[in-house]
Amino acid sequence: MSLTRTDLSLAKTGFILANGLRIRTAAWPSDGYPAVFVHGLSSGWQSWLPPLTYLWPTLSVTAVDLRGHGDSDKPEMGYTLANYVADVWEAIGKMRLKRPPILIGHSLGGAIVRRIAAERAGELAAVVVEDSDLWGTEQGTPEQRRAFGQEWLKNVRRPLPELIQTEMDRNPALSYREAMEKATRVQNTADGVFLGAPEGVGLAVGETYDDLLPHITCPFLLVRGLPEFGGAVPETAATRHKELIPGATIVTIPNVGHSVHGQQPEAFSEAVLTFLRAHDIIGSEAK
């Protein structure tokens, strides 16, 4: 099925105050179903532009910049999954959406919306998680995880030309301008995001995914790339989602890695729209 592309208007940008922080929002309102998009680590709301040309106006879109990212406030501390979840949920509550929203998140954003779904499934229409592994099950001591975060921060604080080259090596299809925009978003990400990620964005003490995932009772879609292309979700983790989340749908997109929505926006959008139609959240006539 070939989707129809739509020329996006300029985003309506603003801020929402959540947990005392200014959270940047970018919105493309329409008469479609309300959907909230949450980006991955060191990214921003702009990363969703490629698939939005297929998803809007079927979806009435609002994207956010997480704390420590983009134009949102950058506190010195507080970069845990619990902090991100609280920010996003409070922001959603202030968006005055007319219906329970669809949440769509990539990587770190996927972990955030997955956690919200486990806690508030009855208040959501559906959740889409893109290439977000079951973080927090990795081995290693706290000291090793802190050292990893420090090395990660050192790596992303290289000069901008080196970061641009890294982005172009990762995705040769990027233009120089696109790679520069992505590298600049990395540069603009707070230090605490990188330092906190290895320890703070997985499970809380005493939690297991065996206990957590069955609480996701709203329609759930996992879209993943392939590990051999750089995808973050191994087959074992995809299987656990399928086994533990009631009625979960798993879609694997071939020939793409971690950024499915960025590298194959039409395939990503088709997976999302097919899933939403199957659950009667959008009509069959939608794109």
Foldseek 3Di string as FASTA:
>chain_A
DFFAFADADFWDWDWDQFPNKTKIKTWRADPAAEEEEEEAFLFFQVLLVQLCRRCPPNYGYMYIAFAQFDPIDHDPDDQFLVSRLRRVVVRVVPPPHPAAYEYEYAALGLLSVLQVLLVPLVSHQEYEYELHFQPPPDDDDPVVLQVQLVVVLVVLPDDLVVQLVVQCVLPVVDDSVRSSNSSVRNVSGDSNNSSCVSPGYHDDPPDDCLVRQCSNAHAYEYEWEAVVSAGRYDPVRQVCNVVRHPPYHYHYDYPHHRCCCNPPVRVVSVVVVVSCCVSVVGDPVRD
